[in-house]
Amino acid sequence: MISYPSIDDLLKRYDSRYSLAVLAAKRAHELEKGEPKMLASYESPKSVGQALEEIAKGKVIIDPDSVLLEQEAERKLKKQEED
């Protein structure tokens, strides 16, 4: 279980647990592939924990363009399900 950063601190930045989980997973994959780290030091030795620390510090944000693409994809999927 991750104790730092707290889920309450993270949810102050993003009110959606889903968005937070997706953002953390994407950033963790980037860290595992060798992308540059955004903090001088981390409390967590694991990539997911490091990603969450970066999010808590405001170093990683959701790209508004990707949110729009995600919403469009959801609309298309919903329309396909209705047809």
C-alpha atoms as a PDB file:
ATOM      1  CA  MET A   1       0.000   0.000   0.000  1.00  0.00           C
ATOM      2  CA  ILE A   2       1.276   3.457  -0.877  1.00  0.00           C
ATOM      3  CA  SER A   3       1.336   5.805   2.111  1.00  0.00           C
ATOM      4  CA  TYR A   4       3.098   8.728   0.463  1.00  0.00           C
ATOM      5  CA  PRO A   5       1.779  10.666  -1.233  1.00  0.00           C
ATOM      6  CA  SER A   6      -1.628  10.243   0.375  1.00  0.00           C
ATOM      7  CA  ILE A   7      -4.641   9.623  -1.814  1.00  0.00           C
ATOM      8  CA  ASP A   8      -6.213  12.757  -0.318  1.00  0.00           C
ATOM      9  CA  ASP A   9      -3.299  14.881  -1.546  1.00  0.00           C
ATOM     10  CA  LEU A  10      -3.493  13.313  -4.985  1.00  0.00           C
ATOM     11  CA  LEU A  11      -7.256  13.797  -5.223  1.00  0.00           C
ATOM     12  CA  LYS A  12      -6.753  17.509  -4.559  1.00  0.00           C
ATOM     13  CA  ARG A  13      -5.067  17.644  -7.968  1.00  0.00           C
ATOM     14  CA  TYR A  14      -7.445  15.292  -9.800  1.00  0.00           C
ATOM     15  CA  ASP A  15     -10.940  14.502  -8.609  1.00  0.00           C
ATOM     16  CA  SER A  16     -11.123  11.310 -10.646  1.00  0.00           C
ATOM     17  CA  ARG A  17      -9.429   8.206  -9.269  1.00  0.00           C
ATOM     18  CA  TYR A  18      -9.570   6.707 -12.755  1.00  0.00           C
ATOM     19  CA  SER A  19      -7.725   9.650 -14.326  1.00  0.00           C
ATOM     20  CA  LEU A  20      -5.191   9.546 -11.524  1.00  0.00           C
ATOM     21  CA  ALA A  21      -4.600   5.817 -11.983  1.00  0.00           C
ATOM     22  CA  VAL A  22      -4.189   6.131 -15.757  1.00  0.00           C
ATOM     23  CA  LEU A  23      -1.816   9.090 -15.406  1.00  0.00           C
ATOM     24  CA  ALA A  24       0.280   7.270 -12.798  1.00  0.00           C
ATOM     25  CA  ALA A  25       0.441   4.109 -14.920  1.00  0.00           C
ATOM     26  CA  LYS A  26       1.507   6.010 -18.027  1.00  0.00           C
ATOM     27  CA  ARG A  27       4.190   7.917 -16.142  1.00  0.00           C
ATOM     28  CA  ALA A  28       5.413   4.749 -14.401  1.00  0.00           C
ATOM     29  CA  HIS A  29       5.863   3.089 -17.818  1.00  0.00           C
ATOM     30  CA  GLU A  30       7.833   6.117 -19.009  1.00  0.00           C
ATOM     31  CA  LEU A  31      10.099   5.915 -15.956  1.00  0.00           C
ATOM     32  CA  GLU A  32      10.648   2.193 -16.538  1.00  0.00           C
ATOM     33  CA  LYS A  33      11.657   2.936 -20.138  1.00  0.00           C
ATOM     34  CA  GLY A  34      14.320   5.359 -18.908  1.00  0.00           C
ATOM     35  CA  GLU A  35      12.584   8.729 -19.292  1.00  0.00           C
ATOM     36  CA  PRO A  36      14.209  11.471 -17.193  1.00  0.00           C
ATOM     37  CA  LYS A  37      13.045  11.741 -13.599  1.00  0.00           C
ATOM     38  CA  MET A  38      11.402  15.007 -12.574  1.00  0.00           C
ATOM     39  CA  LEU A  39      12.364  15.107  -8.894  1.00  0.00           C
ATOM     40  CA  ALA A  40      15.775  15.211  -7.252  1.00  0.00           C
ATOM     41  CA  SER A  41      14.879  12.399  -4.852  1.00  0.00           C
ATOM     42  CA  TYR A  42      12.046   9.982  -4.202  1.00  0.00           C
ATOM     43  CA  GLU A  43      10.718   8.219  -1.133  1.00  0.00           C
ATOM     44  CA  SER A  44       9.531   5.259  -3.200  1.00  0.00           C
ATOM     45  CA  PRO A  45      11.934   2.887  -4.935  1.00  0.00           C
ATOM     46  CA  LYS A  46       9.199   1.715  -7.338  1.00  0.00           C
ATOM     47  CA  SER A  47       8.171   3.441 -10.547  1.00  0.00           C
ATOM     48  CA  VAL A  48       4.477   3.731  -9.653  1.00  0.00           C
ATOM     49  CA  GLY A  49       5.309   5.355  -6.328  1.00  0.00           C
ATOM     50  CA  GLN A  50       7.723   7.712  -8.054  1.00  0.00           C
ATOM     51  CA  ALA A  51       5.060   8.617 -10.619  1.00  0.00           C
ATOM     52  CA  LEU A  52       2.600   9.387  -7.820  1.00  0.00           C
ATOM     53  CA  GLU A  53       5.199  11.553  -6.077  1.00  0.00           C
ATOM     54  CA  GLU A  54       5.724  13.505  -9.306  1.00  0.00           C
ATOM     55  CA  ILE A  55       1.963  13.951  -9.683  1.00  0.00           C
ATOM     56  CA  ALA A  56       1.636  15.157  -6.084  1.00  0.00           C
ATOM     57  CA  LYS A  57       4.354  17.758  -6.704  1.00  0.00           C
ATOM     58  CA  GLY A  58       2.596  18.984  -9.855  1.00  0.00           C
ATOM     59  CA  LYS A  59       5.358  17.808 -12.196  1.00  0.00           C
ATOM     60  CA  VAL A  60       3.083  15.518 -14.218  1.00  0.00           C
ATOM     61  CA  ILE A  61      -0.255  16.706 -15.548  1.00  0.00           C
ATOM     62  CA  ILE A  62      -3.004  15.375 -17.778  1.00  0.00           C
ATOM     63  CA  ASP A  63      -2.710  16.688 -21.314  1.00  0.00           C
ATOM     64  CA  PRO A  64      -6.005  18.485 -22.041  1.00  0.00           C
ATOM     65  CA  ASP A  65      -5.827  17.345 -25.672  1.00  0.00           C
ATOM     66  CA  SER A  66      -5.713  13.701 -24.626  1.00  0.00           C
ATOM     67  CA  VAL A  67      -8.761  14.248 -22.397  1.00  0.00           C
ATOM     68  CA  LEU A  68     -10.671  15.571 -25.386  1.00  0.00           C
ATOM     69  CA  LEU A  69      -9.612  12.579 -27.467  1.00  0.00           C
ATOM     70  CA  GLU A  70     -10.674  10.268 -24.648  1.00  0.00           C
ATOM     71  CA  GLN A  71     -14.104  11.909 -24.447  1.00  0.00           C
ATOM     72  CA  GLU A  72     -14.549  11.636 -28.216  1.00  0.00           C
ATOM     73  CA  ALA A  73     -13.616   7.943 -28.094  1.00  0.00           C
ATOM     74  CA  GLU A  74     -16.153   7.367 -25.325  1.00  0.00           C
ATOM     75  CA  ARG A  75     -18.868   9.090 -27.384  1.00  0.00           C
ATOM     76  CA  LYS A  76     -18.067   6.933 -30.417  1.00  0.00           C
ATOM     77  CA  LEU A  77     -18.109   3.770 -28.333  1.00  0.00           C
ATOM     78  CA  LYS A  78     -21.445   4.705 -26.808  1.00  0.00           C
ATOM     79  CA  LYS A  79     -22.895   5.409 -30.254  1.00  0.00           C
ATOM     80  CA  GLN A  80     -21.664   2.032 -31.548  1.00  0.00           C
ATOM     81  CA  GLU A  81     -23.265   0.282 -28.592  1.00  0.00           C
ATOM     82  CA  GLU A  82     -26.584   2.014 -29.329  1.00  0.00           C
ATOM     83  CA  ASP A  83     -26.551   0.992 -33.018  1.00  0.00           C
END
